[in-house]
Amino acid sequence: MGEQLTRSDVEKIREEIEYRKLVVRKRELEAVKEARAQGDLSENFEYKAAKQDKNRNESRIRYLEKMLKNARIVSDESKDDEVGINNTVTVYFEEDDETETYRLVTSVRGNSMQGLISIESPMGKAIRGHKTGDRVLVKTDGGGYYVVIREIEKTTDDSQDTLRRY
């Protein structure tokens, strides 16, 4: 089963692949040529570093191309009153008596430190498709916990989101 991506994710991945092939690849090849021209390659740190950078770029291109090849396209549309992809959701944690706000995104954009939770995470799976006021069980390896959906804000702009690194 491939990665779940929205059409916007696919476009971002294609843009990154194109940029890496047309801009980064050229720059990295030039850096390898310059370092190679400095002489003895066995003790040439610049050459080794340039080769590593070039290989890292090629690896990223292959990774992204494979992701696109195996991807499943999912819709980021949802009903006005239910949690869907790109929606900002305020949830109340019953056990902790705390409220937190997250935005539900695909896993390639997930970043919990920025409040972006993946639709494939336990929280994302649990709240997706639910409505304001719903009490939802978030299943974890150790059992689970309940959250109450307090507010759903329809957000459609994902232009500032970046793709995760591997």
N, C-alpha and C. Protein backbone atom coordinates (compact mmCIF):
# COMPACT_ATOMS: atom_id res chain seq x y z
N MET A 1 0.84 -1.18 0.00
CA MET A 1 0.00 0.00 0.00
C MET A 1 0.88 1.24 0.00
N GLY A 2 0.61 2.16 -0.89
CA GLY A 2 1.43 3.35 -1.02
C GLY A 2 1.03 4.46 -0.06
N GLU A 3 1.79 5.49 -0.12
CA GLU A 3 1.56 6.70 0.67
C GLU A 3 0.26 7.36 0.24
N GLN A 4 -0.50 7.88 1.19
CA GLN A 4 -1.73 8.61 0.87
C GLN A 4 -1.35 10.07 0.62
N LEU A 5 -1.63 10.56 -0.58
CA LEU A 5 -1.27 11.92 -0.97
C LEU A 5 -2.48 12.63 -1.55
N THR A 6 -2.53 13.94 -1.33
CA THR A 6 -3.54 14.75 -1.99
C THR A 6 -2.95 15.23 -3.32
N ARG A 7 -3.77 15.80 -4.16
CA ARG A 7 -3.27 16.33 -5.43
C ARG A 7 -2.23 17.44 -5.19
N SER A 8 -2.43 18.21 -4.16
CA SER A 8 -1.48 19.26 -3.79
C SER A 8 -0.12 18.66 -3.40
N ASP A 9 -0.15 17.54 -2.65
CA ASP A 9 1.09 16.86 -2.28
C ASP A 9 1.83 16.39 -3.52
N VAL A 10 1.10 15.80 -4.45
CA VAL A 10 1.70 15.30 -5.69
C VAL A 10 2.38 16.45 -6.44
N GLU A 11 1.71 17.59 -6.50
CA GLU A 11 2.28 18.75 -7.20
C GLU A 11 3.56 19.23 -6.50
N LYS A 12 3.56 19.26 -5.18
CA LYS A 12 4.75 19.68 -4.43
C LYS A 12 5.91 18.72 -4.67
N ILE A 13 5.60 17.43 -4.69
CA ILE A 13 6.64 16.43 -4.92
C ILE A 13 7.22 16.59 -6.32
N ARG A 14 6.37 16.76 -7.31
CA ARG A 14 6.84 16.95 -8.68
C ARG A 14 7.72 18.20 -8.80
N GLU A 15 7.32 19.28 -8.12
CA GLU A 15 8.12 20.51 -8.15
C GLU A 15 9.50 20.28 -7.52
N GLU A 16 9.53 19.56 -6.40
CA GLU A 16 10.82 19.30 -5.76
C GLU A 16 11.70 18.42 -6.64
N ILE A 17 11.13 17.41 -7.27
CA ILE A 17 11.91 16.55 -8.17
C ILE A 17 12.50 17.38 -9.30
N GLU A 18 11.68 18.21 -9.91
CA GLU A 18 12.15 19.04 -11.02
C GLU A 18 13.27 19.97 -10.56
N TYR A 19 13.09 20.61 -9.42
CA TYR A 19 14.11 21.52 -8.89
C TYR A 19 15.41 20.77 -8.63
N ARG A 20 15.31 19.59 -8.03
CA ARG A 20 16.51 18.81 -7.73
C ARG A 20 17.22 18.34 -9.00
N LYS A 21 16.46 18.00 -10.01
CA LYS A 21 17.07 17.53 -11.26
C LYS A 21 17.69 18.68 -12.05
N LEU A 22 17.02 19.81 -12.11
CA LEU A 22 17.49 20.91 -12.95
C LEU A 22 18.46 21.86 -12.26
N VAL A 23 18.31 22.06 -10.96
CA VAL A 23 19.13 23.04 -10.26
C VAL A 23 20.16 22.37 -9.36
N VAL A 24 19.71 21.56 -8.43
CA VAL A 24 20.61 20.97 -7.44
C VAL A 24 21.59 20.01 -8.10
N ARG A 25 21.10 19.16 -9.00
CA ARG A 25 21.97 18.19 -9.66
C ARG A 25 23.12 18.89 -10.37
N LYS A 26 22.81 19.94 -11.10
CA LYS A 26 23.84 20.69 -11.84
C LYS A 26 24.87 21.28 -10.87
N ARG A 27 24.39 21.87 -9.79
CA ARG A 27 25.27 22.48 -8.79
C ARG A 27 26.17 21.43 -8.14
N GLU A 28 25.60 20.28 -7.80
CA GLU A 28 26.38 19.22 -7.14
C GLU A 28 27.43 18.62 -8.08
N LEU A 29 27.07 18.43 -9.34
CA LEU A 29 28.05 17.91 -10.30
C LEU A 29 29.22 18.89 -10.48
N GLU A 30 28.92 20.16 -10.50
CA GLU A 30 29.96 21.18 -10.62
C GLU A 30 30.88 21.16 -9.39
N ALA A 31 30.31 20.97 -8.22
CA ALA A 31 31.11 20.91 -6.99
C ALA A 31 32.03 19.69 -7.00
N VAL A 32 31.55 18.56 -7.52
CA VAL A 32 32.38 17.36 -7.61
C VAL A 32 33.54 17.60 -8.59
N LYS A 33 33.25 18.23 -9.73
CA LYS A 33 34.30 18.53 -10.72
C LYS A 33 35.38 19.43 -10.13
N GLU A 34 34.95 20.47 -9.43
CA GLU A 34 35.91 21.40 -8.82
C GLU A 34 36.77 20.71 -7.78
N ALA A 35 36.16 19.87 -6.95
CA ALA A 35 36.91 19.17 -5.91
C ALA A 35 37.87 18.15 -6.50
N ARG A 36 37.45 17.49 -7.58
CA ARG A 36 38.29 16.50 -8.24
C ARG A 36 39.54 17.17 -8.83
N ALA A 37 39.39 18.38 -9.29
CA ALA A 37 40.50 19.10 -9.91
C ALA A 37 41.58 19.50 -8.91
N GLN A 38 41.29 19.37 -7.62
CA GLN A 38 42.25 19.77 -6.59
C GLN A 38 43.34 18.74 -6.35
N GLY A 39 43.30 17.62 -7.03
CA GLY A 39 44.41 16.67 -6.91
C GLY A 39 44.03 15.36 -6.25
N ASP A 40 44.93 14.87 -5.39
CA ASP A 40 44.84 13.57 -4.74
C ASP A 40 43.45 13.35 -4.11
N LEU A 41 42.71 12.38 -4.65
CA LEU A 41 41.34 12.14 -4.19
C LEU A 41 41.28 11.35 -2.89
N SER A 42 42.33 10.62 -2.54
CA SER A 42 42.30 9.79 -1.34
C SER A 42 42.25 10.62 -0.05
N GLU A 43 42.78 11.83 -0.08
CA GLU A 43 42.78 12.68 1.11
C GLU A 43 42.07 14.01 0.86
N ASN A 44 41.20 14.02 -0.11
CA ASN A 44 40.52 15.25 -0.50
C ASN A 44 39.13 15.29 0.16
N PHE A 45 39.04 16.01 1.28
CA PHE A 45 37.78 16.09 2.00
C PHE A 45 36.69 16.75 1.16
N GLU A 46 37.04 17.79 0.43
CA GLU A 46 36.05 18.50 -0.39
C GLU A 46 35.43 17.57 -1.42
N TYR A 47 36.24 16.69 -1.99
CA TYR A 47 35.74 15.74 -2.98
C TYR A 47 34.75 14.77 -2.33
N LYS A 48 35.13 14.23 -1.17
CA LYS A 48 34.24 13.29 -0.47
C LYS A 48 32.93 13.96 -0.09
N ALA A 49 33.01 15.19 0.40
CA ALA A 49 31.80 15.91 0.81
C ALA A 49 30.93 16.21 -0.41
N ALA A 50 31.54 16.61 -1.51
CA ALA A 50 30.77 16.91 -2.73
C ALA A 50 30.08 15.64 -3.25
N LYS A 51 30.78 14.51 -3.21
CA LYS A 51 30.18 13.24 -3.65
C LYS A 51 29.00 12.86 -2.74
N GLN A 52 29.16 13.07 -1.43
CA GLN A 52 28.08 12.76 -0.50
C GLN A 52 26.85 13.63 -0.79
N ASP A 53 27.07 14.91 -1.02
CA ASP A 53 25.96 15.82 -1.32
C ASP A 53 25.26 15.41 -2.62
N LYS A 54 26.06 15.06 -3.62
CA LYS A 54 25.50 14.62 -4.91
C LYS A 54 24.67 13.35 -4.71
N ASN A 55 25.21 12.40 -3.97
CA ASN A 55 24.50 11.13 -3.74
C ASN A 55 23.23 11.34 -2.90
N ARG A 56 23.28 12.26 -1.94
CA ARG A 56 22.11 12.56 -1.12
C ARG A 56 21.00 13.14 -2.00
N ASN A 57 21.36 14.01 -2.94
CA ASN A 57 20.37 14.58 -3.85
C ASN A 57 19.75 13.50 -4.74
N GLU A 58 20.59 12.64 -5.28
CA GLU A 58 20.08 11.56 -6.14
C GLU A 58 19.18 10.60 -5.36
N SER A 59 19.55 10.35 -4.12
CA SER A 59 18.74 9.49 -3.27
C SER A 59 17.37 10.11 -3.00
N ARG A 60 17.34 11.41 -2.75
CA ARG A 60 16.08 12.11 -2.51
C ARG A 60 15.19 12.05 -3.76
N ILE A 61 15.79 12.23 -4.93
CA ILE A 61 15.03 12.15 -6.17
C ILE A 61 14.40 10.76 -6.32
N ARG A 62 15.19 9.72 -6.09
CA ARG A 62 14.66 8.35 -6.20
C ARG A 62 13.54 8.10 -5.18
N TYR A 63 13.74 8.59 -3.96
CA TYR A 63 12.74 8.43 -2.90
C TYR A 63 11.42 9.08 -3.30
N LEU A 64 11.48 10.31 -3.79
CA LEU A 64 10.27 11.03 -4.19
C LEU A 64 9.60 10.37 -5.39
N GLU A 65 10.39 9.93 -6.37
CA GLU A 65 9.82 9.27 -7.55
C GLU A 65 9.12 7.97 -7.16
N LYS A 66 9.73 7.22 -6.24
CA LYS A 66 9.12 5.98 -5.78
C LYS A 66 7.83 6.27 -5.02
N MET A 67 7.85 7.34 -4.22
CA MET A 67 6.65 7.72 -3.48
C MET A 67 5.51 8.03 -4.44
N LEU A 68 5.79 8.78 -5.50
CA LEU A 68 4.76 9.11 -6.49
C LEU A 68 4.25 7.86 -7.19
N LYS A 69 5.16 6.97 -7.53
CA LYS A 69 4.79 5.76 -8.26
C LYS A 69 3.83 4.89 -7.45
N ASN A 70 4.02 4.85 -6.12
CA ASN A 70 3.22 3.97 -5.27
C ASN A 70 2.10 4.69 -4.53
N ALA A 71 1.90 5.96 -4.82
CA ALA A 71 0.94 6.77 -4.06
C ALA A 71 -0.51 6.40 -4.34
N ARG A 72 -1.32 6.64 -3.31
CA ARG A 72 -2.77 6.58 -3.44
C ARG A 72 -3.28 8.00 -3.27
N ILE A 73 -4.02 8.47 -4.24
CA ILE A 73 -4.55 9.84 -4.18
C ILE A 73 -5.80 9.84 -3.29
N VAL A 74 -5.80 10.74 -2.29
CA VAL A 74 -6.96 10.88 -1.42
C VAL A 74 -7.50 12.30 -1.57
N SER A 75 -8.77 12.43 -1.38
CA SER A 75 -9.42 13.73 -1.50
C SER A 75 -9.23 14.53 -0.21
N ASP A 76 -8.98 15.81 -0.37
CA ASP A 76 -8.87 16.67 0.81
C ASP A 76 -10.18 17.41 1.06
N GLU A 77 -11.23 16.96 0.41
CA GLU A 77 -12.55 17.56 0.62
C GLU A 77 -13.29 16.80 1.71
N SER A 78 -14.06 17.54 2.49
CA SER A 78 -14.87 16.93 3.53
C SER A 78 -16.12 17.78 3.72
N LYS A 79 -17.10 17.19 4.39
CA LYS A 79 -18.32 17.94 4.67
C LYS A 79 -18.00 19.11 5.59
N ASP A 80 -18.81 20.13 5.55
CA ASP A 80 -18.56 21.34 6.35
C ASP A 80 -18.51 21.06 7.84
N ASP A 81 -19.23 20.05 8.30
CA ASP A 81 -19.31 19.82 9.74
C ASP A 81 -18.48 18.64 10.23
N GLU A 82 -17.55 18.12 9.38
CA GLU A 82 -16.74 17.00 9.82
C GLU A 82 -15.25 17.23 9.59
N VAL A 83 -14.43 16.54 10.37
CA VAL A 83 -12.98 16.67 10.30
C VAL A 83 -12.47 16.00 9.03
N GLY A 84 -11.67 16.75 8.26
CA GLY A 84 -11.07 16.21 7.04
C GLY A 84 -9.65 16.72 6.89
N ILE A 85 -9.02 16.31 5.83
CA ILE A 85 -7.64 16.73 5.56
C ILE A 85 -7.58 18.24 5.39
N ASN A 86 -6.56 18.84 5.96
CA ASN A 86 -6.30 20.29 5.97
C ASN A 86 -7.20 21.07 6.90
N ASN A 87 -8.05 20.42 7.68
CA ASN A 87 -8.89 21.12 8.63
C ASN A 87 -8.14 21.33 9.95
N THR A 88 -8.35 22.49 10.55
CA THR A 88 -7.78 22.77 11.86
C THR A 88 -8.83 22.37 12.89
N VAL A 89 -8.39 21.55 13.85
CA VAL A 89 -9.31 20.95 14.81
C VAL A 89 -8.84 21.25 16.23
N THR A 90 -9.76 21.71 17.06
CA THR A 90 -9.47 21.90 18.48
C THR A 90 -10.07 20.72 19.22
N VAL A 91 -9.21 20.02 19.98
CA VAL A 91 -9.66 18.84 20.71
C VAL A 91 -9.40 19.03 22.21
N TYR A 92 -10.29 18.45 23.00
CA TYR A 92 -10.18 18.50 24.45
C TYR A 92 -9.77 17.13 24.95
N PHE A 93 -8.65 17.07 25.69
CA PHE A 93 -8.16 15.82 26.25
C PHE A 93 -8.78 15.66 27.64
N GLU A 94 -9.66 14.69 27.79
CA GLU A 94 -10.38 14.51 29.05
C GLU A 94 -9.46 14.20 30.21
N GLU A 95 -8.52 13.28 30.03
CA GLU A 95 -7.63 12.86 31.12
C GLU A 95 -6.78 14.01 31.64
N ASP A 96 -6.33 14.87 30.74
CA ASP A 96 -5.41 15.95 31.13
C ASP A 96 -6.13 17.27 31.38
N ASP A 97 -7.40 17.34 31.04
CA ASP A 97 -8.18 18.57 31.14
C ASP A 97 -7.47 19.70 30.38
N GLU A 98 -7.05 19.38 29.15
CA GLU A 98 -6.34 20.35 28.31
C GLU A 98 -6.97 20.38 26.92
N THR A 99 -6.80 21.53 26.26
CA THR A 99 -7.29 21.70 24.90
C THR A 99 -6.10 22.00 24.00
N GLU A 100 -6.05 21.35 22.84
CA GLU A 100 -4.98 21.60 21.88
C GLU A 100 -5.58 21.71 20.49
N THR A 101 -4.85 22.41 19.61
CA THR A 101 -5.30 22.61 18.24
C THR A 101 -4.30 21.98 17.28
N TYR A 102 -4.82 21.24 16.32
CA TYR A 102 -4.01 20.57 15.32
C TYR A 102 -4.60 20.82 13.94
N ARG A 103 -3.78 20.59 12.93
CA ARG A 103 -4.30 20.57 11.56
C ARG A 103 -4.01 19.18 11.02
N LEU A 104 -5.01 18.56 10.45
CA LEU A 104 -4.91 17.21 9.91
C LEU A 104 -4.33 17.27 8.51
N VAL A 105 -3.22 16.56 8.27
CA VAL A 105 -2.53 16.58 6.98
C VAL A 105 -2.14 15.16 6.59
N THR A 106 -1.68 15.01 5.36
CA THR A 106 -1.15 13.71 4.93
C THR A 106 0.20 13.48 5.60
N SER A 107 0.64 12.25 5.64
CA SER A 107 1.86 11.92 6.37
C SER A 107 3.11 12.58 5.79
N VAL A 108 3.11 12.92 4.51
CA VAL A 108 4.30 13.57 3.93
C VAL A 108 4.46 15.00 4.42
N ARG A 109 3.42 15.56 5.04
CA ARG A 109 3.50 16.92 5.58
C ARG A 109 3.41 16.94 7.10
N GLY A 110 3.22 15.78 7.71
CA GLY A 110 3.06 15.71 9.16
C GLY A 110 4.26 16.24 9.91
N ASN A 111 4.00 17.05 10.93
CA ASN A 111 5.05 17.60 11.79
C ASN A 111 4.39 18.00 13.10
N SER A 112 4.42 17.10 14.06
CA SER A 112 3.70 17.35 15.31
C SER A 112 4.23 18.56 16.07
N MET A 113 5.49 18.92 15.85
CA MET A 113 6.06 20.10 16.52
C MET A 113 5.41 21.39 16.01
N GLN A 114 4.84 21.34 14.82
CA GLN A 114 4.17 22.51 14.25
C GLN A 114 2.65 22.35 14.28
N GLY A 115 2.17 21.34 14.99
CA GLY A 115 0.73 21.14 15.11
C GLY A 115 0.10 20.49 13.88
N LEU A 116 0.91 19.85 13.05
CA LEU A 116 0.41 19.16 11.86
C LEU A 116 0.42 17.67 12.14
N ILE A 117 -0.76 17.06 12.28
CA ILE A 117 -0.80 15.63 12.57
C ILE A 117 -1.26 14.86 11.34
N SER A 118 -0.65 13.72 11.16
CA SER A 118 -0.91 12.89 10.00
C SER A 118 -2.25 12.17 10.11
N ILE A 119 -2.87 11.97 8.95
CA ILE A 119 -4.12 11.20 8.90
C ILE A 119 -3.86 9.73 9.21
N GLU A 120 -2.60 9.33 9.23
CA GLU A 120 -2.25 7.95 9.53
C GLU A 120 -1.82 7.76 10.97
N SER A 121 -1.73 8.83 11.74
CA SER A 121 -1.38 8.74 13.16
C SER A 121 -2.61 8.27 13.94
N PRO A 122 -2.42 7.77 15.16
CA PRO A 122 -3.58 7.35 15.95
C PRO A 122 -4.62 8.47 16.12
N MET A 123 -4.15 9.68 16.42
CA MET A 123 -5.08 10.80 16.58
C MET A 123 -5.78 11.11 15.26
N GLY A 124 -5.03 11.17 14.17
CA GLY A 124 -5.59 11.47 12.86
C GLY A 124 -6.64 10.46 12.43
N LYS A 125 -6.32 9.19 12.61
CA LYS A 125 -7.28 8.13 12.26
C LYS A 125 -8.55 8.25 13.08
N ALA A 126 -8.39 8.58 14.36
CA ALA A 126 -9.54 8.61 15.26
C ALA A 126 -10.49 9.77 14.95
N ILE A 127 -9.95 10.97 14.72
CA ILE A 127 -10.84 12.13 14.60
C ILE A 127 -11.35 12.38 13.18
N ARG A 128 -10.69 11.82 12.19
CA ARG A 128 -11.11 12.06 10.80
C ARG A 128 -12.53 11.56 10.57
N GLY A 129 -13.36 12.43 10.03
CA GLY A 129 -14.74 12.07 9.73
C GLY A 129 -15.72 12.36 10.86
N HIS A 130 -15.21 12.76 12.02
CA HIS A 130 -16.08 13.07 13.16
C HIS A 130 -16.51 14.53 13.15
N LYS A 131 -17.48 14.84 14.00
CA LYS A 131 -18.08 16.18 14.02
C LYS A 131 -17.84 16.86 15.37
N THR A 132 -18.10 18.16 15.39
CA THR A 132 -17.97 18.93 16.62
C THR A 132 -18.87 18.31 17.69
N GLY A 133 -18.30 18.14 18.89
CA GLY A 133 -19.05 17.55 20.00
C GLY A 133 -18.85 16.06 20.16
N ASP A 134 -18.31 15.40 19.13
CA ASP A 134 -18.09 13.95 19.21
C ASP A 134 -17.00 13.63 20.23
N ARG A 135 -17.25 12.59 21.01
CA ARG A 135 -16.26 12.05 21.94
C ARG A 135 -15.64 10.85 21.23
N VAL A 136 -14.33 10.90 21.05
CA VAL A 136 -13.66 9.91 20.20
C VAL A 136 -12.57 9.19 20.98
N LEU A 137 -12.49 7.87 20.81
CA LEU A 137 -11.43 7.07 21.43
C LEU A 137 -10.23 7.05 20.49
N VAL A 138 -9.10 7.51 20.99
CA VAL A 138 -7.85 7.45 20.24
C VAL A 138 -7.13 6.19 20.72
N LYS A 139 -7.02 5.19 19.85
CA LYS A 139 -6.42 3.92 20.22
C LYS A 139 -4.91 4.00 20.13
N THR A 140 -4.24 3.52 21.19
CA THR A 140 -2.78 3.45 21.22
C THR A 140 -2.37 2.04 21.61
N ASP A 141 -1.07 1.77 21.55
CA ASP A 141 -0.59 0.45 21.93
C ASP A 141 -0.92 0.11 23.38
N GLY A 142 -0.91 1.13 24.23
CA GLY A 142 -1.19 0.92 25.64
C GLY A 142 -2.66 1.02 26.00
N GLY A 143 -3.53 1.02 25.04
CA GLY A 143 -4.96 1.12 25.30
C GLY A 143 -5.60 2.24 24.51
N GLY A 144 -5.64 3.42 25.12
CA GLY A 144 -6.22 4.55 24.43
C GLY A 144 -6.66 5.64 25.38
N TYR A 145 -7.18 6.71 24.83
CA TYR A 145 -7.67 7.84 25.61
C TYR A 145 -8.76 8.53 24.80
N TYR A 146 -9.59 9.29 25.51
CA TYR A 146 -10.70 9.97 24.85
C TYR A 146 -10.39 11.45 24.64
N VAL A 147 -10.85 11.95 23.49
CA VAL A 147 -10.81 13.37 23.20
C VAL A 147 -12.21 13.79 22.74
N VAL A 148 -12.50 15.06 22.94
CA VAL A 148 -13.78 15.61 22.48
C VAL A 148 -13.44 16.68 21.44
N ILE A 149 -14.07 16.60 20.29
CA ILE A 149 -13.83 17.59 19.25
C ILE A 149 -14.61 18.85 19.60
N ARG A 150 -13.89 19.93 19.83
CA ARG A 150 -14.52 21.18 20.26
C ARG A 150 -14.84 22.09 19.10
N GLU A 151 -13.93 22.14 18.10
CA GLU A 151 -14.13 23.07 16.99
C GLU A 151 -13.44 22.54 15.74
N ILE A 152 -14.06 22.79 14.60
CA ILE A 152 -13.49 22.42 13.31
C ILE A 152 -13.46 23.67 12.45
N GLU A 153 -12.28 24.00 11.97
CA GLU A 153 -12.13 25.16 11.09
C GLU A 153 -11.67 24.66 9.72
N LYS A 154 -12.43 25.00 8.70
CA LYS A 154 -12.07 24.59 7.35
C LYS A 154 -10.88 25.42 6.88
N THR A 155 -9.76 24.74 6.67
CA THR A 155 -8.57 25.40 6.14
C THR A 155 -8.24 24.72 4.83
N THR A 156 -8.00 25.48 3.82
CA THR A 156 -7.70 24.87 2.52
C THR A 156 -6.31 25.25 2.02
N ASP A 157 -5.68 26.24 2.62
CA ASP A 157 -4.39 26.70 2.15
C ASP A 157 -3.27 25.87 2.76
N ASP A 158 -2.65 25.02 1.96
CA ASP A 158 -1.52 24.23 2.43
C ASP A 158 -0.22 24.66 1.76
N SER A 159 -0.21 25.87 1.21
CA SER A 159 0.95 26.33 0.44
C SER A 159 2.20 26.51 1.29
N GLN A 160 2.05 26.75 2.59
CA GLN A 160 3.21 26.93 3.47
C GLN A 160 3.76 25.61 4.01
N ASP A 161 3.01 24.52 3.83
CA ASP A 161 3.45 23.23 4.33
C ASP A 161 4.63 22.72 3.50
N THR A 162 5.57 22.09 4.18
CA THR A 162 6.72 21.52 3.48
C THR A 162 6.66 20.00 3.56
N LEU A 163 7.32 19.36 2.63
CA LEU A 163 7.38 17.90 2.64
C LEU A 163 8.38 17.46 3.69
N ARG A 164 8.07 16.37 4.37
CA ARG A 164 8.99 15.88 5.39
C ARG A 164 10.26 15.33 4.73
N ARG A 165 11.30 15.31 5.48
CA ARG A 165 12.56 14.73 5.03
C ARG A 165 12.61 13.31 5.54
N TYR A 166 13.46 12.50 4.97
CA TYR A 166 13.59 11.12 5.43
C TYR A 166 14.76 10.99 6.34
